[in-house]
Amino acid sequence: MMKKAKLLHVPDKLVMTKIYVIRNQKVMLDRDLAELYGVETKVLKQAVKRNLNRFPADFMFELTEPELQNWRSQIVTSNSDKMGLRHLPFAFTEQGVAMLSSVLNNEKAISVNIQIIRIFTRIRQVLSDNTELRLGIEELRKKTDNNTKNIEIVFQYLDELLDKKENEKPRTQIGYKISEK
């Protein structure tokens, strides 16, 4: 069993290149998933259509023609890739990818699905870590801006005091005067 899992491993970088952001969601397209699972796109789509009740809108959606054109322009597909898309592709969110393992019940699909879910989780963690870092930097920036304003105010007061001192007539010294012998 362990040997089979090793044989079915797909490089993480390959999987990560197949994750796109469409409708502000990280998704994978049916053709890429079919390639990773080792099945034809037609077979994957048929399995999904037979089990549509398992794929609500937040699990899977079909790309619109403008979305498909936008996706094509972003990845600069070759003519042979364009010809392979006769139908609008399905886009699967992380939950949709997880549901695919129950629809495509073969060992490779299950193994690849586990790997894909782990990659989605890693991406989410990296984004979370970056958000915390970004918030920390923003907090430091606010403190720095506040300190900068305070320093400017101090210098402004010092300038006003210097101006006042220059405009004043010299003061006569008060107190006991000690004569020098």
N, C-alpha and C. Protein backbone atom coordinates (compact mmCIF):
# COMPACT_ATOMS: atom_id res chain seq x y z
N MET A 1 0.83 -1.20 0.00
CA MET A 1 0.00 0.00 0.00
C MET A 1 0.87 1.26 0.00
N MET A 2 1.92 1.28 0.82
CA MET A 2 2.80 2.45 0.87
C MET A 2 3.53 2.64 -0.46
N LYS A 3 3.91 1.55 -1.10
CA LYS A 3 4.61 1.68 -2.38
C LYS A 3 3.72 2.33 -3.42
N LYS A 4 2.43 1.97 -3.43
CA LYS A 4 1.51 2.56 -4.39
C LYS A 4 1.37 4.05 -4.16
N ALA A 5 1.27 4.46 -2.89
CA ALA A 5 1.13 5.88 -2.57
C ALA A 5 2.33 6.67 -3.07
N LYS A 6 3.53 6.08 -2.95
CA LYS A 6 4.72 6.76 -3.43
C LYS A 6 4.70 6.89 -4.95
N LEU A 7 4.24 5.84 -5.63
CA LEU A 7 4.19 5.87 -7.08
C LEU A 7 3.19 6.91 -7.59
N LEU A 8 2.15 7.19 -6.81
CA LEU A 8 1.10 8.08 -7.25
C LEU A 8 1.37 9.54 -6.88
N HIS A 9 2.52 9.82 -6.29
CA HIS A 9 2.83 11.18 -5.86
C HIS A 9 3.05 12.09 -7.07
N VAL A 10 2.42 13.25 -7.00
CA VAL A 10 2.56 14.26 -8.04
C VAL A 10 3.35 15.41 -7.43
N PRO A 11 4.31 15.99 -8.14
CA PRO A 11 5.09 17.09 -7.57
C PRO A 11 4.19 18.25 -7.11
N ASP A 12 4.47 18.76 -5.91
CA ASP A 12 3.67 19.85 -5.34
C ASP A 12 3.65 21.07 -6.26
N LYS A 13 4.80 21.36 -6.87
CA LYS A 13 4.87 22.54 -7.75
C LYS A 13 3.91 22.40 -8.93
N LEU A 14 3.79 21.18 -9.44
CA LEU A 14 2.88 20.95 -10.56
C LEU A 14 1.44 21.23 -10.11
N VAL A 15 1.09 20.74 -8.94
CA VAL A 15 -0.27 20.96 -8.43
C VAL A 15 -0.50 22.46 -8.20
N MET A 16 0.49 23.13 -7.63
CA MET A 16 0.33 24.56 -7.32
C MET A 16 0.16 25.40 -8.58
N THR A 17 0.77 24.97 -9.69
CA THR A 17 0.60 25.73 -10.93
C THR A 17 -0.80 25.55 -11.51
N LYS A 18 -1.54 24.58 -11.02
CA LYS A 18 -2.89 24.31 -11.52
C LYS A 18 -3.96 24.99 -10.67
N ILE A 19 -3.56 25.74 -9.66
CA ILE A 19 -4.53 26.45 -8.81
C ILE A 19 -4.63 27.89 -9.31
N TYR A 20 -5.85 28.30 -9.63
CA TYR A 20 -6.10 29.64 -10.16
C TYR A 20 -7.04 30.39 -9.22
N VAL A 21 -7.04 31.70 -9.34
CA VAL A 21 -8.00 32.51 -8.60
C VAL A 21 -9.04 33.00 -9.60
N ILE A 22 -10.25 32.50 -9.43
CA ILE A 22 -11.38 32.89 -10.28
C ILE A 22 -12.54 33.21 -9.35
N ARG A 23 -13.20 34.33 -9.59
CA ARG A 23 -14.28 34.81 -8.71
C ARG A 23 -13.79 34.95 -7.27
N ASN A 24 -12.56 35.39 -7.13
CA ASN A 24 -11.93 35.58 -5.81
C ASN A 24 -11.87 34.31 -4.99
N GLN A 25 -11.81 33.17 -5.65
CA GLN A 25 -11.68 31.88 -4.97
C GLN A 25 -10.54 31.11 -5.60
N LYS A 26 -9.82 30.36 -4.78
CA LYS A 26 -8.77 29.48 -5.32
C LYS A 26 -9.47 28.23 -5.83
N VAL A 27 -9.28 27.95 -7.12
CA VAL A 27 -9.97 26.82 -7.75
C VAL A 27 -9.01 26.04 -8.63
N MET A 28 -9.44 24.83 -8.97
CA MET A 28 -8.75 24.01 -9.96
C MET A 28 -9.77 23.65 -11.04
N LEU A 29 -9.30 23.62 -12.28
CA LEU A 29 -10.20 23.34 -13.40
C LEU A 29 -10.30 21.85 -13.65
N ASP A 30 -11.44 21.46 -14.23
CA ASP A 30 -11.72 20.04 -14.47
C ASP A 30 -10.64 19.36 -15.30
N ARG A 31 -10.15 20.02 -16.31
CA ARG A 31 -9.15 19.40 -17.19
C ARG A 31 -7.84 19.14 -16.46
N ASP A 32 -7.45 20.07 -15.54
CA ASP A 32 -6.22 19.88 -14.77
C ASP A 32 -6.39 18.76 -13.76
N LEU A 33 -7.54 18.71 -13.12
CA LEU A 33 -7.81 17.64 -12.15
C LEU A 33 -7.84 16.28 -12.85
N ALA A 34 -8.47 16.23 -14.02
CA ALA A 34 -8.54 14.98 -14.77
C ALA A 34 -7.12 14.50 -15.13
N GLU A 35 -6.29 15.43 -15.52
CA GLU A 35 -4.90 15.09 -15.86
C GLU A 35 -4.17 14.53 -14.63
N LEU A 36 -4.34 15.19 -13.49
CA LEU A 36 -3.69 14.74 -12.26
C LEU A 36 -4.21 13.37 -11.81
N TYR A 37 -5.51 13.14 -12.00
CA TYR A 37 -6.12 11.86 -11.59
C TYR A 37 -5.88 10.75 -12.59
N GLY A 38 -5.42 11.12 -13.79
CA GLY A 38 -5.16 10.11 -14.80
C GLY A 38 -6.43 9.61 -15.49
N VAL A 39 -7.43 10.49 -15.58
CA VAL A 39 -8.67 10.14 -16.28
C VAL A 39 -8.93 11.20 -17.35
N GLU A 40 -9.83 10.89 -18.27
CA GLU A 40 -10.20 11.88 -19.28
C GLU A 40 -11.11 12.93 -18.64
N THR A 41 -11.04 14.14 -19.15
CA THR A 41 -11.89 15.22 -18.64
C THR A 41 -13.36 14.84 -18.78
N LYS A 42 -13.68 14.17 -19.89
CA LYS A 42 -15.07 13.75 -20.15
C LYS A 42 -15.55 12.81 -19.04
N VAL A 43 -14.69 11.91 -18.59
CA VAL A 43 -15.05 10.95 -17.53
C VAL A 43 -15.28 11.69 -16.22
N LEU A 44 -14.41 12.63 -15.90
CA LEU A 44 -14.55 13.41 -14.67
C LEU A 44 -15.86 14.20 -14.69
N LYS A 45 -16.13 14.87 -15.81
CA LYS A 45 -17.36 15.67 -15.91
C LYS A 45 -18.61 14.80 -15.82
N GLN A 46 -18.57 13.61 -16.44
CA GLN A 46 -19.72 12.71 -16.35
C GLN A 46 -19.97 12.28 -14.92
N ALA A 47 -18.91 11.97 -14.18
CA ALA A 47 -19.04 11.56 -12.79
C ALA A 47 -19.63 12.69 -11.95
N VAL A 48 -19.19 13.90 -12.24
CA VAL A 48 -19.73 15.05 -11.50
C VAL A 48 -21.19 15.27 -11.83
N LYS A 49 -21.54 15.20 -13.12
CA LYS A 49 -22.94 15.42 -13.53
C LYS A 49 -23.87 14.36 -12.95
N ARG A 50 -23.36 13.13 -12.80
CA ARG A 50 -24.18 12.07 -12.19
C ARG A 50 -24.39 12.32 -10.69
N ASN A 51 -23.54 13.14 -10.08
CA ASN A 51 -23.61 13.40 -8.64
C ASN A 51 -23.69 14.90 -8.36
N LEU A 52 -24.47 15.63 -9.14
CA LEU A 52 -24.53 17.10 -9.00
C LEU A 52 -24.97 17.55 -7.61
N ASN A 53 -25.78 16.72 -6.92
CA ASN A 53 -26.23 17.11 -5.59
C ASN A 53 -25.07 17.20 -4.59
N ARG A 54 -23.92 16.60 -4.91
CA ARG A 54 -22.73 16.67 -4.04
C ARG A 54 -21.89 17.92 -4.30
N PHE A 55 -22.25 18.69 -5.32
CA PHE A 55 -21.45 19.85 -5.72
C PHE A 55 -22.28 21.13 -5.75
N PRO A 56 -22.56 21.69 -4.57
CA PRO A 56 -23.27 22.98 -4.55
C PRO A 56 -22.38 24.08 -5.13
N ALA A 57 -22.93 25.27 -5.27
CA ALA A 57 -22.23 26.38 -5.93
C ALA A 57 -20.92 26.77 -5.25
N ASP A 58 -20.81 26.54 -3.93
CA ASP A 58 -19.57 26.90 -3.26
C ASP A 58 -18.52 25.79 -3.37
N PHE A 59 -18.88 24.66 -3.99
CA PHE A 59 -17.94 23.56 -4.24
C PHE A 59 -17.45 23.56 -5.68
N MET A 60 -18.34 23.96 -6.60
CA MET A 60 -18.02 23.90 -8.02
C MET A 60 -18.90 24.86 -8.79
N PHE A 61 -18.35 25.47 -9.83
CA PHE A 61 -19.15 26.29 -10.73
C PHE A 61 -18.57 26.17 -12.12
N GLU A 62 -19.41 26.49 -13.10
CA GLU A 62 -18.97 26.45 -14.49
C GLU A 62 -18.51 27.85 -14.88
N LEU A 63 -17.36 27.94 -15.52
CA LEU A 63 -16.85 29.24 -15.95
C LEU A 63 -17.77 29.82 -17.01
N THR A 64 -17.88 31.14 -17.01
CA THR A 64 -18.62 31.82 -18.07
C THR A 64 -17.65 32.06 -19.22
N GLU A 65 -18.17 32.42 -20.36
CA GLU A 65 -17.32 32.67 -21.53
C GLU A 65 -16.31 33.80 -21.26
N PRO A 66 -16.74 34.93 -20.66
CA PRO A 66 -15.74 35.98 -20.36
C PRO A 66 -14.67 35.50 -19.36
N GLU A 67 -15.06 34.70 -18.37
CA GLU A 67 -14.08 34.17 -17.41
C GLU A 67 -13.09 33.25 -18.12
N LEU A 68 -13.59 32.45 -19.05
CA LEU A 68 -12.72 31.55 -19.81
C LEU A 68 -11.72 32.35 -20.65
N GLN A 69 -12.21 33.41 -21.31
CA GLN A 69 -11.32 34.24 -22.11
C GLN A 69 -10.27 34.92 -21.23
N ASN A 70 -10.68 35.39 -20.06
CA ASN A 70 -9.75 36.02 -19.13
C ASN A 70 -8.71 35.01 -18.65
N TRP A 71 -9.15 33.81 -18.33
CA TRP A 71 -8.23 32.75 -17.89
C TRP A 71 -7.22 32.43 -19.00
N ARG A 72 -7.73 32.30 -20.22
CA ARG A 72 -6.84 32.00 -21.36
C ARG A 72 -5.80 33.09 -21.55
N SER A 73 -6.22 34.35 -21.41
CA SER A 73 -5.27 35.45 -21.61
C SER A 73 -4.22 35.48 -20.50
N GLN A 74 -4.59 35.04 -19.31
CA GLN A 74 -3.64 35.05 -18.20
C GLN A 74 -2.59 33.96 -18.33
N ILE A 75 -3.00 32.78 -18.83
CA ILE A 75 -2.04 31.68 -18.91
C ILE A 75 -1.42 31.54 -20.29
N VAL A 76 -1.88 32.32 -21.26
CA VAL A 76 -1.34 32.31 -22.62
C VAL A 76 -1.29 30.87 -23.15
N THR A 77 -2.47 30.32 -23.40
CA THR A 77 -2.53 28.95 -23.89
C THR A 77 -2.18 28.87 -25.36
N SER A 78 -1.68 27.71 -25.74
CA SER A 78 -1.37 27.51 -27.15
C SER A 78 -2.65 27.18 -27.90
N ASN A 79 -2.57 27.17 -29.22
CA ASN A 79 -3.75 26.85 -30.03
C ASN A 79 -4.27 25.46 -29.73
N SER A 80 -3.37 24.50 -29.48
CA SER A 80 -3.83 23.14 -29.22
C SER A 80 -4.60 23.09 -27.90
N ASP A 81 -4.20 23.90 -26.91
CA ASP A 81 -4.96 23.96 -25.66
C ASP A 81 -6.33 24.57 -25.88
N LYS A 82 -6.39 25.61 -26.70
CA LYS A 82 -7.68 26.27 -26.96
C LYS A 82 -8.63 25.32 -27.67
N MET A 83 -8.10 24.51 -28.58
CA MET A 83 -8.96 23.60 -29.32
C MET A 83 -9.52 22.51 -28.42
N GLY A 84 -8.81 22.17 -27.35
CA GLY A 84 -9.27 21.14 -26.44
C GLY A 84 -10.42 21.58 -25.55
N LEU A 85 -10.73 22.85 -25.55
CA LEU A 85 -11.82 23.36 -24.71
C LEU A 85 -13.06 23.62 -25.55
N ARG A 86 -13.84 22.59 -25.77
CA ARG A 86 -15.07 22.75 -26.54
C ARG A 86 -16.22 23.17 -25.65
N HIS A 87 -16.12 22.82 -24.36
CA HIS A 87 -17.17 23.15 -23.39
C HIS A 87 -16.56 24.01 -22.30
N LEU A 88 -17.40 24.81 -21.66
CA LEU A 88 -16.91 25.64 -20.56
C LEU A 88 -16.47 24.72 -19.42
N PRO A 89 -15.30 24.96 -18.87
CA PRO A 89 -14.79 24.07 -17.82
C PRO A 89 -15.48 24.29 -16.48
N PHE A 90 -15.45 23.26 -15.65
CA PHE A 90 -15.90 23.36 -14.27
C PHE A 90 -14.71 23.81 -13.43
N ALA A 91 -14.98 24.68 -12.47
CA ALA A 91 -13.94 25.12 -11.53
C ALA A 91 -14.33 24.56 -10.16
N PHE A 92 -13.39 23.87 -9.52
CA PHE A 92 -13.65 23.23 -8.22
C PHE A 92 -12.90 23.96 -7.12
N THR A 93 -13.62 24.34 -6.07
CA THR A 93 -12.98 24.95 -4.91
C THR A 93 -12.33 23.82 -4.10
N GLU A 94 -11.70 24.19 -3.00
CA GLU A 94 -11.05 23.18 -2.15
C GLU A 94 -12.05 22.11 -1.70
N GLN A 95 -13.25 22.53 -1.31
CA GLN A 95 -14.26 21.57 -0.88
C GLN A 95 -14.73 20.70 -2.04
N GLY A 96 -14.81 21.29 -3.23
CA GLY A 96 -15.20 20.52 -4.41
C GLY A 96 -14.17 19.47 -4.77
N VAL A 97 -12.89 19.83 -4.62
CA VAL A 97 -11.81 18.87 -4.88
C VAL A 97 -11.91 17.72 -3.89
N ALA A 98 -12.19 18.05 -2.63
CA ALA A 98 -12.34 16.99 -1.61
C ALA A 98 -13.51 16.08 -1.96
N MET A 99 -14.58 16.65 -2.46
CA MET A 99 -15.76 15.84 -2.81
C MET A 99 -15.47 14.95 -4.01
N LEU A 100 -14.58 15.37 -4.89
CA LEU A 100 -14.26 14.57 -6.07
C LEU A 100 -13.74 13.19 -5.71
N SER A 101 -13.05 13.07 -4.57
CA SER A 101 -12.50 11.76 -4.21
C SER A 101 -13.61 10.75 -3.95
N SER A 102 -14.77 11.21 -3.51
CA SER A 102 -15.87 10.27 -3.30
C SER A 102 -16.58 9.92 -4.61
N VAL A 103 -16.48 10.81 -5.58
CA VAL A 103 -17.11 10.56 -6.88
C VAL A 103 -16.23 9.69 -7.75
N LEU A 104 -14.94 10.02 -7.79
CA LEU A 104 -13.98 9.23 -8.56
C LEU A 104 -13.31 8.27 -7.57
N ASN A 105 -13.89 7.15 -7.40
CA ASN A 105 -13.42 6.24 -6.35
C ASN A 105 -12.34 5.30 -6.90
N ASN A 106 -11.17 5.89 -7.21
CA ASN A 106 -10.03 5.04 -7.55
C ASN A 106 -8.84 5.49 -6.71
N GLU A 107 -7.86 4.64 -6.60
CA GLU A 107 -6.76 4.89 -5.68
C GLU A 107 -5.94 6.13 -6.05
N LYS A 108 -5.72 6.33 -7.33
CA LYS A 108 -4.94 7.50 -7.74
C LYS A 108 -5.68 8.78 -7.39
N ALA A 109 -6.98 8.82 -7.65
CA ALA A 109 -7.76 10.02 -7.34
C ALA A 109 -7.72 10.33 -5.85
N ILE A 110 -7.83 9.31 -5.02
CA ILE A 110 -7.79 9.51 -3.57
C ILE A 110 -6.43 10.02 -3.14
N SER A 111 -5.37 9.41 -3.64
CA SER A 111 -4.00 9.81 -3.29
C SER A 111 -3.71 11.25 -3.72
N VAL A 112 -4.06 11.58 -4.95
CA VAL A 112 -3.82 12.93 -5.47
C VAL A 112 -4.69 13.93 -4.72
N ASN A 113 -5.92 13.54 -4.40
CA ASN A 113 -6.81 14.44 -3.66
C ASN A 113 -6.23 14.81 -2.30
N ILE A 114 -5.70 13.84 -1.60
CA ILE A 114 -5.09 14.10 -0.29
C ILE A 114 -3.97 15.11 -0.45
N GLN A 115 -3.17 14.93 -1.47
CA GLN A 115 -2.06 15.85 -1.72
C GLN A 115 -2.57 17.25 -2.05
N ILE A 116 -3.59 17.34 -2.88
CA ILE A 116 -4.15 18.65 -3.26
C ILE A 116 -4.72 19.36 -2.04
N ILE A 117 -5.44 18.64 -1.20
CA ILE A 117 -6.03 19.25 0.01
C ILE A 117 -4.91 19.76 0.92
N ARG A 118 -3.83 19.01 1.04
CA ARG A 118 -2.69 19.46 1.86
C ARG A 118 -2.08 20.74 1.29
N ILE A 119 -2.01 20.82 -0.03
CA ILE A 119 -1.44 22.03 -0.66
C ILE A 119 -2.37 23.22 -0.44
N PHE A 120 -3.69 23.03 -0.59
CA PHE A 120 -4.64 24.11 -0.31
C PHE A 120 -4.47 24.59 1.14
N THR A 121 -4.31 23.65 2.06
CA THR A 121 -4.14 23.99 3.47
C THR A 121 -2.86 24.78 3.68
N ARG A 122 -1.78 24.36 3.03
CA ARG A 122 -0.50 25.07 3.12
C ARG A 122 -0.62 26.49 2.57
N ILE A 123 -1.31 26.64 1.46
CA ILE A 123 -1.50 27.97 0.86
C ILE A 123 -2.28 28.87 1.82
N ARG A 124 -3.33 28.30 2.42
CA ARG A 124 -4.13 29.07 3.37
C ARG A 124 -3.28 29.50 4.56
N GLN A 125 -2.41 28.62 5.05
CA GLN A 125 -1.54 28.92 6.17
C GLN A 125 -0.54 30.03 5.81
N VAL A 126 0.03 29.94 4.61
CA VAL A 126 0.98 30.97 4.17
C VAL A 126 0.28 32.33 4.08
N LEU A 127 -0.94 32.33 3.53
CA LEU A 127 -1.68 33.59 3.43
C LEU A 127 -2.00 34.14 4.82
N SER A 128 -2.35 33.26 5.74
CA SER A 128 -2.64 33.67 7.11
C SER A 128 -1.40 34.26 7.77
N ASP A 129 -0.26 33.59 7.62
CA ASP A 129 0.99 34.09 8.18
C ASP A 129 1.34 35.45 7.60
N ASN A 130 1.16 35.61 6.29
CA ASN A 130 1.46 36.89 5.64
C ASN A 130 0.52 37.98 6.14
N THR A 131 -0.74 37.63 6.40
CA THR A 131 -1.70 38.62 6.90
C THR A 131 -1.27 39.10 8.28
N GLU A 132 -0.86 38.18 9.16
CA GLU A 132 -0.39 38.56 10.49
C GLU A 132 0.84 39.46 10.37
N LEU A 133 1.75 39.12 9.51
CA LEU A 133 2.95 39.92 9.30
C LEU A 133 2.59 41.30 8.78
N ARG A 134 1.69 41.35 7.82
CA ARG A 134 1.26 42.63 7.24
C ARG A 134 0.60 43.51 8.31
N LEU A 135 -0.23 42.91 9.19
CA LEU A 135 -0.87 43.68 10.25
C LEU A 135 0.17 44.21 11.24
N GLY A 136 1.19 43.40 11.56
CA GLY A 136 2.25 43.84 12.45
C GLY A 136 3.03 45.00 11.86
N ILE A 137 3.33 44.92 10.58
CA ILE A 137 4.05 46.01 9.91
C ILE A 137 3.20 47.28 9.90
N GLU A 138 1.92 47.13 9.65
CA GLU A 138 1.02 48.29 9.64
C GLU A 138 0.96 48.94 11.02
N GLU A 139 0.95 48.14 12.07
CA GLU A 139 0.94 48.67 13.43
C GLU A 139 2.22 49.45 13.71
N LEU A 140 3.36 48.89 13.29
CA LEU A 140 4.64 49.60 13.45
C LEU A 140 4.65 50.90 12.65
N ARG A 141 4.10 50.87 11.47
CA ARG A 141 4.05 52.07 10.63
C ARG A 141 3.23 53.16 11.31
N LYS A 142 2.10 52.77 11.92
CA LYS A 142 1.27 53.76 12.61
C LYS A 142 2.03 54.38 13.78
N LYS A 143 2.75 53.53 14.54
CA LYS A 143 3.53 54.04 15.66
C LYS A 143 4.62 54.98 15.16
N THR A 144 5.28 54.61 14.08
CA THR A 144 6.34 55.43 13.50
C THR A 144 5.78 56.76 13.03
N ASP A 145 4.62 56.72 12.36
CA ASP A 145 3.99 57.96 11.90
C ASP A 145 3.66 58.85 13.08
N ASN A 146 3.15 58.27 14.15
CA ASN A 146 2.80 59.02 15.34
C ASN A 146 4.05 59.63 15.97
N ASN A 147 5.13 58.85 16.06
CA ASN A 147 6.39 59.36 16.60
C ASN A 147 6.94 60.48 15.74
N THR A 148 6.85 60.32 14.44
CA THR A 148 7.32 61.35 13.52
C THR A 148 6.56 62.66 13.74
N LYS A 149 5.25 62.57 13.90
CA LYS A 149 4.44 63.76 14.15
C LYS A 149 4.84 64.41 15.47
N ASN A 150 5.06 63.59 16.50
CA ASN A 150 5.46 64.14 17.80
C ASN A 150 6.81 64.84 17.72
N ILE A 151 7.75 64.25 16.99
CA ILE A 151 9.07 64.87 16.83
C ILE A 151 8.94 66.20 16.08
N GLU A 152 8.09 66.25 15.06
CA GLU A 152 7.87 67.49 14.32
C GLU A 152 7.30 68.57 15.23
N ILE A 153 6.38 68.20 16.11
CA ILE A 153 5.79 69.16 17.05
C ILE A 153 6.85 69.69 18.01
N VAL A 154 7.73 68.81 18.51
CA VAL A 154 8.79 69.23 19.42
C VAL A 154 9.71 70.23 18.72
N PHE A 155 10.10 69.94 17.49
CA PHE A 155 10.95 70.86 16.74
C PHE A 155 10.24 72.19 16.46
N GLN A 156 8.95 72.12 16.22
CA GLN A 156 8.17 73.34 15.98
C GLN A 156 8.18 74.21 17.25
N TYR A 157 7.98 73.61 18.42
CA TYR A 157 8.03 74.35 19.69
C TYR A 157 9.41 74.93 19.93
N LEU A 158 10.45 74.17 19.64
CA LEU A 158 11.82 74.67 19.80
C LEU A 158 12.07 75.88 18.90
N ASP A 159 11.60 75.81 17.66
CA ASP A 159 11.75 76.94 16.74
C ASP A 159 11.04 78.17 17.26
N GLU A 160 9.82 77.98 17.79
CA GLU A 160 9.06 79.10 18.35
C GLU A 160 9.80 79.72 19.54
N LEU A 161 10.37 78.88 20.40
CA LEU A 161 11.12 79.38 21.55
C LEU A 161 12.36 80.15 21.11
N LEU A 162 13.06 79.63 20.12
CA LEU A 162 14.24 80.33 19.61
C LEU A 162 13.86 81.68 19.00
N ASP A 163 12.76 81.71 18.26
CA ASP A 163 12.29 82.97 17.67
C ASP A 163 11.94 83.97 18.76
N LYS A 164 11.28 83.51 19.81
CA LYS A 164 10.90 84.36 20.92
C LYS A 164 12.14 84.94 21.60
N LYS A 165 13.14 84.09 21.80
CA LYS A 165 14.36 84.52 22.49
C LYS A 165 15.10 85.57 21.67
N GLU A 166 15.13 85.40 20.35
CA GLU A 166 15.82 86.36 19.49
C GLU A 166 15.11 87.71 19.50
N ASN A 167 13.79 87.72 19.61
CA ASN A 167 13.01 88.95 19.56
C ASN A 167 12.99 89.67 20.91
N GLU A 168 13.36 89.03 21.98
CA GLU A 168 13.34 89.66 23.30
C GLU A 168 14.56 90.55 23.47
N LYS A 169 14.36 91.66 24.24
CA LYS A 169 15.52 92.50 24.56
C LYS A 169 16.28 91.82 25.69
N PRO A 170 17.57 92.07 25.78
CA PRO A 170 18.36 91.41 26.80
C PRO A 170 17.84 91.75 28.20
N ARG A 171 17.80 90.80 29.04
CA ARG A 171 17.28 90.97 30.39
C ARG A 171 18.40 91.42 31.31
N THR A 172 18.03 92.22 32.26
CA THR A 172 19.01 92.63 33.25
C THR A 172 19.08 91.55 34.31
N GLN A 173 20.28 91.34 34.77
CA GLN A 173 20.50 90.27 35.72
C GLN A 173 19.98 90.72 37.09
N ILE A 174 19.30 89.84 37.77
CA ILE A 174 18.79 90.16 39.09
C ILE A 174 19.54 89.36 40.12
N GLY A 175 19.45 89.83 41.36
CA GLY A 175 20.11 89.11 42.43
C GLY A 175 21.30 89.88 42.94
N TYR A 176 22.08 89.28 43.76
CA TYR A 176 23.26 89.92 44.35
C TYR A 176 24.36 90.00 43.31
N LYS A 177 24.97 91.14 43.30
CA LYS A 177 26.09 91.33 42.40
C LYS A 177 27.34 91.30 43.23
N ILE A 178 28.23 90.47 42.86
CA ILE A 178 29.47 90.35 43.56
C ILE A 178 30.51 91.12 42.77
N SER A 179 31.13 92.02 43.46
CA SER A 179 32.13 92.82 42.78
C SER A 179 33.43 92.02 42.73
N GLU A 180 34.07 92.19 41.66
CA GLU A 180 35.33 91.47 41.49
C GLU A 180 36.45 92.33 42.05
N LYS A 181 37.35 91.80 42.77
CA LYS A 181 38.44 92.55 43.40
C LYS A 181 39.64 92.65 42.57
